[in-house]
PDB file of N, CA and C in Angstrom:
ATOM      1  N   MET A   1     -17.418 -15.209  12.407  1.00  0.00           N
ATOM      2  CA  MET A   1     -16.015 -15.315  11.706  1.00  0.00           C
ATOM      3  C   MET A   1     -15.153 -14.087  12.220  1.00  0.00           C
ATOM      4  N   LYS A   2     -13.877 -14.510  12.347  1.00  0.00           N
ATOM      5  CA  LYS A   2     -12.992 -13.467  12.913  1.00  0.00           C
ATOM      6  C   LYS A   2     -12.538 -12.438  11.926  1.00  0.00           C
ATOM      7  N   PRO A   3     -12.447 -11.184  12.238  1.00  0.00           N
ATOM      8  CA  PRO A   3     -12.106 -10.031  11.426  1.00  0.00           C
ATOM      9  C   PRO A   3     -10.594 -10.292  10.988  1.00  0.00           C
ATOM     10  N   ASN A   4     -10.266  -9.798   9.714  1.00  0.00           N
ATOM     11  CA  ASN A   4      -8.977  -9.803   9.331  1.00  0.00           C
ATOM     12  C   ASN A   4      -8.135  -8.550   9.600  1.00  0.00           C
ATOM     13  N   TYR A   5      -7.016  -8.799  10.323  1.00  0.00           N
ATOM     14  CA  TYR A   5      -6.167  -7.629  10.746  1.00  0.00           C
ATOM     15  C   TYR A   5      -4.897  -7.573  10.050  1.00  0.00           C
ATOM     16  N   ARG A   6      -4.442  -6.401   9.625  1.00  0.00           N
ATOM     17  CA  ARG A   6      -3.184  -6.157   8.876  1.00  0.00           C
ATOM     18  C   ARG A   6      -2.436  -5.073   9.524  1.00  0.00           C
ATOM     19  N   ARG A   7      -1.043  -5.111   9.227  1.00  0.00           N
ATOM     20  CA  ARG A   7      -0.195  -4.094   9.712  1.00  0.00           C
ATOM     21  C   ARG A   7       0.330  -3.111   8.696  1.00  0.00           C
ATOM     22  N   CYS A   8       0.272  -1.851   8.969  1.00  0.00           N
ATOM     23  CA  CYS A   8       0.874  -0.884   7.861  1.00  0.00           C
ATOM     24  C   CYS A   8       2.494  -1.088   8.003  1.00  0.00           C
ATOM     25  N   ILE A   9       3.091  -1.195   6.849  1.00  0.00           N
ATOM     26  CA  ILE A   9       4.493  -1.305   6.666  1.00  0.00           C
ATOM     27  C   ILE A   9       5.223  -0.060   7.078  1.00  0.00           C
ATOM     28  N   SER A  10       4.504   1.057   7.146  1.00  0.00           N
ATOM     29  CA  SER A  10       5.238   2.234   7.359  1.00  0.00           C
ATOM     30  C   SER A  10       5.148   2.703   8.811  1.00  0.00           C
ATOM     31  N   CYS A  11       4.064   2.867   9.482  1.00  0.00           N
ATOM     32  CA  CYS A  11       3.751   3.213  10.773  1.00  0.00           C
ATOM     33  C   CYS A  11       3.557   2.106  11.834  1.00  0.00           C
ATOM     34  N   ARG A  12       3.330   0.776  11.243  1.00  0.00           N
ATOM     35  CA  ARG A  12       3.260  -0.400  12.092  1.00  0.00           C
ATOM     36  C   ARG A  12       1.820  -0.427  12.772  1.00  0.00           C
ATOM     37  N   LYS A  13       0.988   0.574  12.383  1.00  0.00           N
ATOM     38  CA  LYS A  13      -0.363   0.413  12.927  1.00  0.00           C
ATOM     39  C   LYS A  13      -1.088  -0.905  12.565  1.00  0.00           C
ATOM     40  N   VAL A  14      -1.900  -1.475  13.443  1.00  0.00           N
ATOM     41  CA  VAL A  14      -2.650  -2.624  13.264  1.00  0.00           C
ATOM     42  C   VAL A  14      -4.062  -2.148  13.168  1.00  0.00           C
ATOM     43  N   GLY A  15      -4.831  -2.776  12.239  1.00  0.00           N
ATOM     44  CA  GLY A  15      -6.176  -2.514  12.013  1.00  0.00           C
ATOM     45  C   GLY A  15      -6.863  -3.461  11.034  1.00  0.00           C
ATOM     46  N   LEU A  16      -8.120  -3.204  10.789  1.00  0.00           N
ATOM     47  CA  LEU A  16      -8.810  -4.176   9.895  1.00  0.00           C
ATOM     48  C   LEU A  16      -8.336  -3.958   8.384  1.00  0.00           C
ATOM     49  N   LYS A  17      -8.458  -5.072   7.699  1.00  0.00           N
ATOM     50  CA  LYS A  17      -7.924  -5.069   6.346  1.00  0.00           C
ATOM     51  C   LYS A  17      -8.427  -3.978   5.508  1.00  0.00           C
ATOM     52  N   GLU A  18      -9.648  -3.675   5.595  1.00  0.00           N
ATOM     53  CA  GLU A  18     -10.319  -2.633   4.799  1.00  0.00           C
ATOM     54  C   GLU A  18      -9.851  -1.223   5.043  1.00  0.00           C
ATOM     55  N   GLU A  19      -9.170  -1.046   6.162  1.00  0.00           N
ATOM     56  CA  GLU A  19      -8.475   0.367   6.446  1.00  0.00           C
ATOM     57  C   GLU A  19      -7.265   0.690   5.554  1.00  0.00           C
ATOM     58  N   PHE A  20      -6.813  -0.379   5.021  1.00  0.00           N
ATOM     59  CA  PHE A  20      -5.422  -0.086   4.355  1.00  0.00           C
ATOM     60  C   PHE A  20      -5.475  -0.330   2.800  1.00  0.00           C
ATOM     61  N   TRP A  21      -4.465   0.130   2.109  1.00  0.00           N
ATOM     62  CA  TRP A  21      -4.247  -0.124   0.720  1.00  0.00           C
ATOM     63  C   TRP A  21      -3.457  -1.136   0.604  1.00  0.00           C
ATOM     64  N   ARG A  22      -3.708  -2.132  -0.406  1.00  0.00           N
ATOM     65  CA  ARG A  22      -3.006  -3.485  -0.634  1.00  0.00           C
ATOM     66  C   ARG A  22      -2.147  -3.267  -1.893  1.00  0.00           C
ATOM     67  N   ILE A  23      -0.961  -3.557  -1.721  1.00  0.00           N
ATOM     68  CA  ILE A  23       0.113  -3.600  -2.873  1.00  0.00           C
ATOM     69  C   ILE A  23       0.447  -5.126  -3.073  1.00  0.00           C
ATOM     70  N   VAL A  24       0.505  -5.600  -4.115  1.00  0.00           N
ATOM     71  CA  VAL A  24       0.775  -6.887  -4.476  1.00  0.00           C
ATOM     72  C   VAL A  24       1.823  -7.196  -5.478  1.00  0.00           C
ATOM     73  N   ARG A  25       2.733  -8.177  -5.014  1.00  0.00           N
ATOM     74  CA  ARG A  25       3.727  -8.619  -6.174  1.00  0.00           C
ATOM     75  C   ARG A  25       3.189 -10.016  -6.598  1.00  0.00           C
ATOM     76  N   VAL A  26       2.629  -9.830  -7.841  1.00  0.00           N
ATOM     77  CA  VAL A  26       1.882 -10.876  -8.471  1.00  0.00           C
ATOM     78  C   VAL A  26       2.725 -11.997  -8.818  1.00  0.00           C
ATOM     79  N   PHE A  27       2.336 -13.231  -8.367  1.00  0.00           N
ATOM     80  CA  PHE A  27       2.893 -14.511  -8.802  1.00  0.00           C
ATOM     81  C   PHE A  27       2.470 -15.048 -10.115  1.00  0.00           C
ATOM     82  N   PRO A  28       3.202 -15.564 -11.067  1.00  0.00           N
ATOM     83  CA  PRO A  28       4.618 -15.677 -11.068  1.00  0.00           C
ATOM     84  C   PRO A  28       5.311 -14.658 -11.808  1.00  0.00           C
ATOM     85  N   SER A  29       4.593 -13.577 -12.380  1.00  0.00           N
ATOM     86  CA  SER A  29       5.257 -12.505 -13.207  1.00  0.00           C
ATOM     87  C   SER A  29       6.261 -11.605 -12.456  1.00  0.00           C
ATOM     88  N   GLY A  30       5.906 -11.370 -11.086  1.00  0.00           N
ATOM     89  CA  GLY A  30       6.805 -10.465 -10.365  1.00  0.00           C
ATOM     90  C   GLY A  30       6.272  -9.026 -10.461  1.00  0.00           C
ATOM     91  N   LYS A  31       5.243  -8.694 -11.180  1.00  0.00           N
ATOM     92  CA  LYS A  31       4.743  -7.361 -11.331  1.00  0.00           C
ATOM     93  C   LYS A  31       4.116  -6.802 -10.037  1.00  0.00           C
ATOM     94  N   VAL A  32       4.406  -5.599  -9.776  1.00  0.00           N
ATOM     95  CA  VAL A  32       3.890  -4.994  -8.554  1.00  0.00           C
ATOM     96  C   VAL A  32       2.789  -4.201  -9.005  1.00  0.00           C
ATOM     97  N   GLN A  33       1.527  -4.351  -8.393  1.00  0.00           N
ATOM     98  CA  GLN A  33       0.355  -3.525  -8.646  1.00  0.00           C
ATOM     99  C   GLN A  33      -0.473  -3.401  -7.387  1.00  0.00           C
ATOM    100  N   LEU A  34      -1.512  -2.639  -7.563  1.00  0.00           N
ATOM    101  CA  LEU A  34      -2.438  -2.301  -6.577  1.00  0.00           C
ATOM    102  C   LEU A  34      -3.648  -3.263  -6.515  1.00  0.00           C
ATOM    103  N   ASP A  35      -4.010  -3.446  -5.339  1.00  0.00           N
ATOM    104  CA  ASP A  35      -5.401  -4.106  -4.956  1.00  0.00           C
ATOM    105  C   ASP A  35      -5.688  -5.516  -5.388  1.00  0.00           C
ATOM    106  N   ARG A  36      -5.348  -5.859  -6.718  1.00  0.00           N
ATOM    107  CA  ARG A  36      -5.756  -7.125  -7.109  1.00  0.00           C
ATOM    108  C   ARG A  36      -4.546  -8.055  -7.415  1.00  0.00           C
ATOM    109  N   GLY A  37      -4.881  -9.326  -7.389  1.00  0.00           N
ATOM    110  CA  GLY A  37      -3.828 -10.216  -7.782  1.00  0.00           C
ATOM    111  C   GLY A  37      -3.512 -11.262  -6.691  1.00  0.00           C
ATOM    112  N   MET A  38      -2.928 -12.306  -7.007  1.00  0.00           N
ATOM    113  CA  MET A  38      -2.544 -13.384  -5.920  1.00  0.00           C
ATOM    114  C   MET A  38      -0.999 -13.315  -5.920  1.00  0.00           C
ATOM    115  N   GLY A  39      -0.605 -13.327  -4.665  1.00  0.00           N
ATOM    116  CA  GLY A  39       0.824 -13.161  -4.440  1.00  0.00           C
ATOM    117  C   GLY A  39       1.394 -12.567  -3.160  1.00  0.00           C
ATOM    118  N   ARG A  40       2.665 -12.185  -3.035  1.00  0.00           N
ATOM    119  CA  ARG A  40       2.953 -11.516  -1.766  1.00  0.00           C
ATOM    120  C   ARG A  40       2.350 -10.069  -1.621  1.00  0.00           C
ATOM    121  N   SER A  41       1.818  -9.766  -0.548  1.00  0.00           N
ATOM    122  CA  SER A  41       1.199  -8.534  -0.224  1.00  0.00           C
ATOM    123  C   SER A  41       1.711  -7.728   0.757  1.00  0.00           C
ATOM    124  N   ALA A  42       1.541  -6.368   0.544  1.00  0.00           N
ATOM    125  CA  ALA A  42       2.043  -5.483   1.694  1.00  0.00           C
ATOM    126  C   ALA A  42       0.833  -4.362   1.841  1.00  0.00           C
ATOM    127  N   TYR A  43       0.672  -3.850   3.068  1.00  0.00           N
ATOM    128  CA  TYR A  43      -0.428  -3.025   3.362  1.00  0.00           C
ATOM    129  C   TYR A  43       0.088  -1.719   3.894  1.00  0.00           C
ATOM    130  N   ILE A  44      -0.509  -0.558   3.421  1.00  0.00           N
ATOM    131  CA  ILE A  44      -0.049   0.605   3.861  1.00  0.00           C
ATOM    132  C   ILE A  44      -1.410   1.558   4.223  1.00  0.00           C
ATOM    133  N   CYS A  45      -1.112   2.456   5.219  1.00  0.00           N
ATOM    134  CA  CYS A  45      -2.216   3.358   5.633  1.00  0.00           C
ATOM    135  C   CYS A  45      -2.457   4.431   4.464  1.00  0.00           C
ATOM    136  N   PRO A  46      -3.634   4.896   4.323  1.00  0.00           N
ATOM    137  CA  PRO A  46      -3.976   5.905   3.311  1.00  0.00           C
ATOM    138  C   PRO A  46      -3.739   7.230   3.821  1.00  0.00           C
ATOM    139  N   GLN A  47      -2.371   7.473   4.294  1.00  0.00           N
ATOM    140  CA  GLN A  47      -2.005   8.811   4.778  1.00  0.00           C
ATOM    141  C   GLN A  47      -0.565   9.277   4.159  1.00  0.00           C
ATOM    142  N   VAL A  48      -0.541  10.599   4.058  1.00  0.00           N
ATOM    143  CA  VAL A  48       0.688  11.267   3.406  1.00  0.00           C
ATOM    144  C   VAL A  48       1.934  10.758   4.136  1.00  0.00           C
ATOM    145  N   SER A  49       1.955  10.780   5.342  1.00  0.00           N
ATOM    146  CA  SER A  49       3.153  10.520   6.076  1.00  0.00           C
ATOM    147  C   SER A  49       3.681   9.005   5.865  1.00  0.00           C
ATOM    148  N   CYS A  50       2.749   8.117   5.922  1.00  0.00           N
ATOM    149  CA  CYS A  50       3.122   6.756   5.675  1.00  0.00           C
ATOM    150  C   CYS A  50       3.586   6.575   4.217  1.00  0.00           C
ATOM    151  N   LEU A  51       2.895   7.127   3.212  1.00  0.00           N
ATOM    152  CA  LEU A  51       3.384   7.041   1.811  1.00  0.00           C
ATOM    153  C   LEU A  51       4.736   7.517   1.744  1.00  0.00           C
ATOM    154  N   GLN A  52       4.977   8.833   2.289  1.00  0.00           N
ATOM    155  CA  GLN A  52       6.317   9.409   2.094  1.00  0.00           C
ATOM    156  C   GLN A  52       7.389   8.556   2.742  1.00  0.00           C
ATOM    157  N   ALA A  53       7.073   8.076   3.851  1.00  0.00           N
ATOM    158  CA  ALA A  53       8.215   7.270   4.656  1.00  0.00           C
ATOM    159  C   ALA A  53       8.389   5.839   3.986  1.00  0.00           C
ATOM    160  N   ALA A  54       7.270   5.358   3.480  1.00  0.00           N
ATOM    161  CA  ALA A  54       7.423   4.060   2.581  1.00  0.00           C
ATOM    162  C   ALA A  54       8.302   4.243   1.334  1.00  0.00           C
ATOM    163  N   GLN A  55       8.123   5.410   0.656  1.00  0.00           N
ATOM    164  CA  GLN A  55       8.929   5.713  -0.472  1.00  0.00           C
ATOM    165  C   GLN A  55      10.338   5.984  -0.229  1.00  0.00           C
ATOM    166  N   LYS A  56      10.588   6.831   0.796  1.00  0.00           N
ATOM    167  CA  LYS A  56      11.889   7.277   1.133  1.00  0.00           C
ATOM    168  C   LYS A  56      12.765   6.134   1.576  1.00  0.00           C
ATOM    169  N   LYS A  57      12.196   5.283   2.408  1.00  0.00           N
ATOM    170  CA  LYS A  57      12.981   4.115   2.995  1.00  0.00           C
ATOM    171  C   LYS A  57      12.818   2.874   2.205  1.00  0.00           C
ATOM    172  N   ASN A  58      12.153   2.779   1.162  1.00  0.00           N
ATOM    173  CA  ASN A  58      11.965   1.718   0.211  1.00  0.00           C
ATOM    174  C   ASN A  58      11.354   0.614   1.128  1.00  0.00           C
ATOM    175  N   ARG A  59      10.244   0.817   1.990  1.00  0.00           N
ATOM    176  CA  ARG A  59       9.674  -0.112   2.650  1.00  0.00           C
ATOM    177  C   ARG A  59       8.770  -1.125   1.931  1.00  0.00           C
ATOM    178  N   LEU A  60       8.145  -0.623   0.843  1.00  0.00           N
ATOM    179  CA  LEU A  60       7.361  -1.378   0.033  1.00  0.00           C
ATOM    180  C   LEU A  60       8.358  -2.453  -0.777  1.00  0.00           C
ATOM    181  N   GLY A  61       9.417  -1.962  -1.290  1.00  0.00           N
ATOM    182  CA  GLY A  61      10.237  -2.761  -1.985  1.00  0.00           C
ATOM    183  C   GLY A  61      10.914  -3.996  -1.174  1.00  0.00           C
ATOM    184  N   ARG A  62      11.316  -3.489   0.109  1.00  0.00           N
ATOM    185  CA  ARG A  62      11.841  -4.524   1.013  1.00  0.00           C
ATOM    186  C   ARG A  62      10.776  -5.590   1.357  1.00  0.00           C
ATOM    187  N   SER A  63       9.480  -5.200   1.680  1.00  0.00           N
ATOM    188  CA  SER A  63       8.434  -5.954   2.122  1.00  0.00           C
ATOM    189  C   SER A  63       8.098  -6.972   0.999  1.00  0.00           C
ATOM    190  N   LEU A  64       8.069  -6.525  -0.243  1.00  0.00           N
ATOM    191  CA  LEU A  64       7.691  -7.333  -1.399  1.00  0.00           C
ATOM    192  C   LEU A  64       8.761  -8.058  -1.942  1.00  0.00           C
ATOM    193  N   HIS A  65       9.903  -7.889  -1.747  1.00  0.00           N
ATOM    194  CA  HIS A  65      11.177  -8.484  -2.258  1.00  0.00           C
ATOM    195  C   HIS A  65      11.172  -8.212  -3.820  1.00  0.00           C
ATOM    196  N   ALA A  66      10.806  -7.024  -4.069  1.00  0.00           N
ATOM    197  CA  ALA A  66      10.745  -6.662  -5.605  1.00  0.00           C
ATOM    198  C   ALA A  66      10.916  -5.134  -5.697  1.00  0.00           C
ATOM    199  N   SER A  67      11.398  -4.650  -6.847  1.00  0.00           N
ATOM    200  CA  SER A  67      11.660  -3.165  -7.086  1.00  0.00           C
ATOM    201  C   SER A  67      10.187  -2.515  -7.321  1.00  0.00           C
ATOM    202  N   VAL A  68       9.768  -1.524  -6.780  1.00  0.00           N
ATOM    203  CA  VAL A  68       8.391  -0.873  -6.926  1.00  0.00           C
ATOM    204  C   VAL A  68       8.551   0.260  -7.813  1.00  0.00           C
ATOM    205  N   PRO A  69       7.890   0.308  -8.983  1.00  0.00           N
ATOM    206  CA  PRO A  69       7.857   1.225  -9.932  1.00  0.00           C
ATOM    207  C   PRO A  69       7.492   2.731  -9.392  1.00  0.00           C
ATOM    208  N   GLU A  70       8.074   3.787  -9.776  1.00  0.00           N
ATOM    209  CA  GLU A  70       7.800   4.980  -9.461  1.00  0.00           C
ATOM    210  C   GLU A  70       6.173   5.406  -9.755  1.00  0.00           C
ATOM    211  N   THR A  71       5.734   4.811 -10.869  1.00  0.00           N
ATOM    212  CA  THR A  71       4.342   5.121 -11.251  1.00  0.00           C
ATOM    213  C   THR A  71       3.314   4.580 -10.144  1.00  0.00           C
ATOM    214  N   LEU A  72       3.730   3.481  -9.381  1.00  0.00           N
ATOM    215  CA  LEU A  72       2.752   3.058  -8.392  1.00  0.00           C
ATOM    216  C   LEU A  72       2.756   4.083  -7.135  1.00  0.00           C
ATOM    217  N   TYR A  73       3.891   4.672  -6.932  1.00  0.00           N
ATOM    218  CA  TYR A  73       3.908   5.802  -5.931  1.00  0.00           C
ATOM    219  C   TYR A  73       2.992   6.915  -6.342  1.00  0.00           C
ATOM    220  N   GLN A  74       3.128   7.163  -7.539  1.00  0.00           N
ATOM    221  CA  GLN A  74       2.378   8.367  -8.218  1.00  0.00           C
ATOM    222  C   GLN A  74       0.801   8.025  -8.053  1.00  0.00           C
ATOM    223  N   SER A  75       0.481   6.702  -8.416  1.00  0.00           N
ATOM    224  CA  SER A  75      -0.961   6.469  -8.386  1.00  0.00           C
ATOM    225  C   SER A  75      -1.545   6.373  -6.968  1.00  0.00           C
ATOM    226  N   LEU A  76      -0.675   6.086  -6.096  1.00  0.00           N
ATOM    227  CA  LEU A  76      -0.960   6.080  -4.617  1.00  0.00           C
ATOM    228  C   LEU A  76      -1.191   7.450  -4.288  1.00  0.00           C
ATOM    229  N   SER A  77      -0.475   8.367  -4.650  1.00  0.00           N
ATOM    230  CA  SER A  77      -0.554   9.832  -4.252  1.00  0.00           C
ATOM    231  C   SER A  77      -1.742  10.382  -4.854  1.00  0.00           C
ATOM    232  N   GLN A  78      -2.072  10.149  -6.059  1.00  0.00           N
ATOM    233  CA  GLN A  78      -3.236  10.558  -6.797  1.00  0.00           C
ATOM    234  C   GLN A  78      -4.502  10.011  -6.046  1.00  0.00           C
ATOM    235  N   ARG A  79      -4.472   8.879  -5.548  1.00  0.00           N
ATOM    236  CA  ARG A  79      -5.623   8.189  -5.027  1.00  0.00           C
ATOM    237  C   ARG A  79      -5.780   8.939  -3.515  1.00  0.00           C
ATOM    238  N   LEU A  80      -4.629   9.319  -2.885  1.00  0.00           N
ATOM    239  CA  LEU A  80      -4.671   9.928  -1.708  1.00  0.00           C
ATOM    240  C   LEU A  80      -5.319  11.327  -1.790  1.00  0.00           C
ATOM    241  N   ALA A  81      -4.910  11.982  -2.905  1.00  0.00           N
ATOM    242  CA  ALA A  81      -5.293  13.397  -3.273  1.00  0.00           C
ATOM    243  C   ALA A  81      -6.929  13.305  -3.519  1.00  0.00           C
ATOM    244  N   SER A  82      -7.397  12.285  -4.223  1.00  0.00           N
ATOM    245  CA  SER A  82      -8.759  12.254  -4.392  1.00  0.00           C
ATOM    246  C   SER A  82      -9.530  11.823  -3.327  1.00  0.00           C
ATOM    247  N   ASN A  83      -9.140  11.016  -2.477  1.00  0.00           N
ATOM    248  CA  ASN A  83      -9.853  10.629  -1.154  1.00  0.00           C
ATOM    249  C   ASN A  83      -9.776  11.959  -0.306  1.00  0.00           C
ATOM    250  N   ASN A  84      -8.846  12.636  -0.213  1.00  0.00           N
ATOM    251  CA  ASN A  84      -8.995  13.967   0.645  1.00  0.00           C
ATOM    252  C   ASN A  84      -9.880  14.996   0.015  1.00  0.00           C
ATOM    253  N   THR A  85     -10.007  15.059  -1.271  1.00  0.00           N
ATOM    254  CA  THR A  85     -11.033  16.020  -1.806  1.00  0.00           C
ATOM    255  C   THR A  85     -12.501  15.471  -1.577  1.00  0.00           C
ATOM    256  N   GLN A  86     -12.683  14.257  -1.738  1.00  0.00           N
ATOM    257  CA  GLN A  86     -14.016  13.700  -1.355  1.00  0.00           C
ATOM    258  C   GLN A  86     -14.400  13.823   0.158  1.00  0.00           C
ATOM    259  N   ASN A  87     -13.292  13.722   1.023  1.00  0.00           N
ATOM    260  CA  ASN A  87     -13.633  13.850   2.398  1.00  0.00           C
ATOM    261  C   ASN A  87     -14.011  15.261   2.716  1.00  0.00           C
ATOM    262  N   GLN A  88     -13.455  16.278   2.013  1.00  0.00           N
ATOM    263  CA  GLN A  88     -13.811  17.665   2.387  1.00  0.00           C
ATOM    264  C   GLN A  88     -15.024  18.140   1.830  1.00  0.00           C
ATOM    265  N   ILE A  89     -15.759  17.424   0.806  1.00  0.00           N
ATOM    266  CA  ILE A  89     -16.945  17.770   0.304  1.00  0.00           C
ATOM    267  C   ILE A  89     -18.057  17.545   1.231  1.00  0.00           C
TER     268      ILE A  89
END
């Protein structure tokens, strides 16, 4: 079976689906959330630079055709911080 490739909305890097975080605009409610759900999806690298650029230029919002709540960016930042501390141990 062929591997699933995705592209980061921020840096445009192509890689395996597992390398990215998935943000979903759930159908039909239009709610934007992380990882789970069926609907329109966007993928982003788990890196500080990609997250900051996506937030500054509203790349997630444009890709998902929806407004992205500030709490989603905060949870992504927390996830990034926890990943960095786990990698340093």
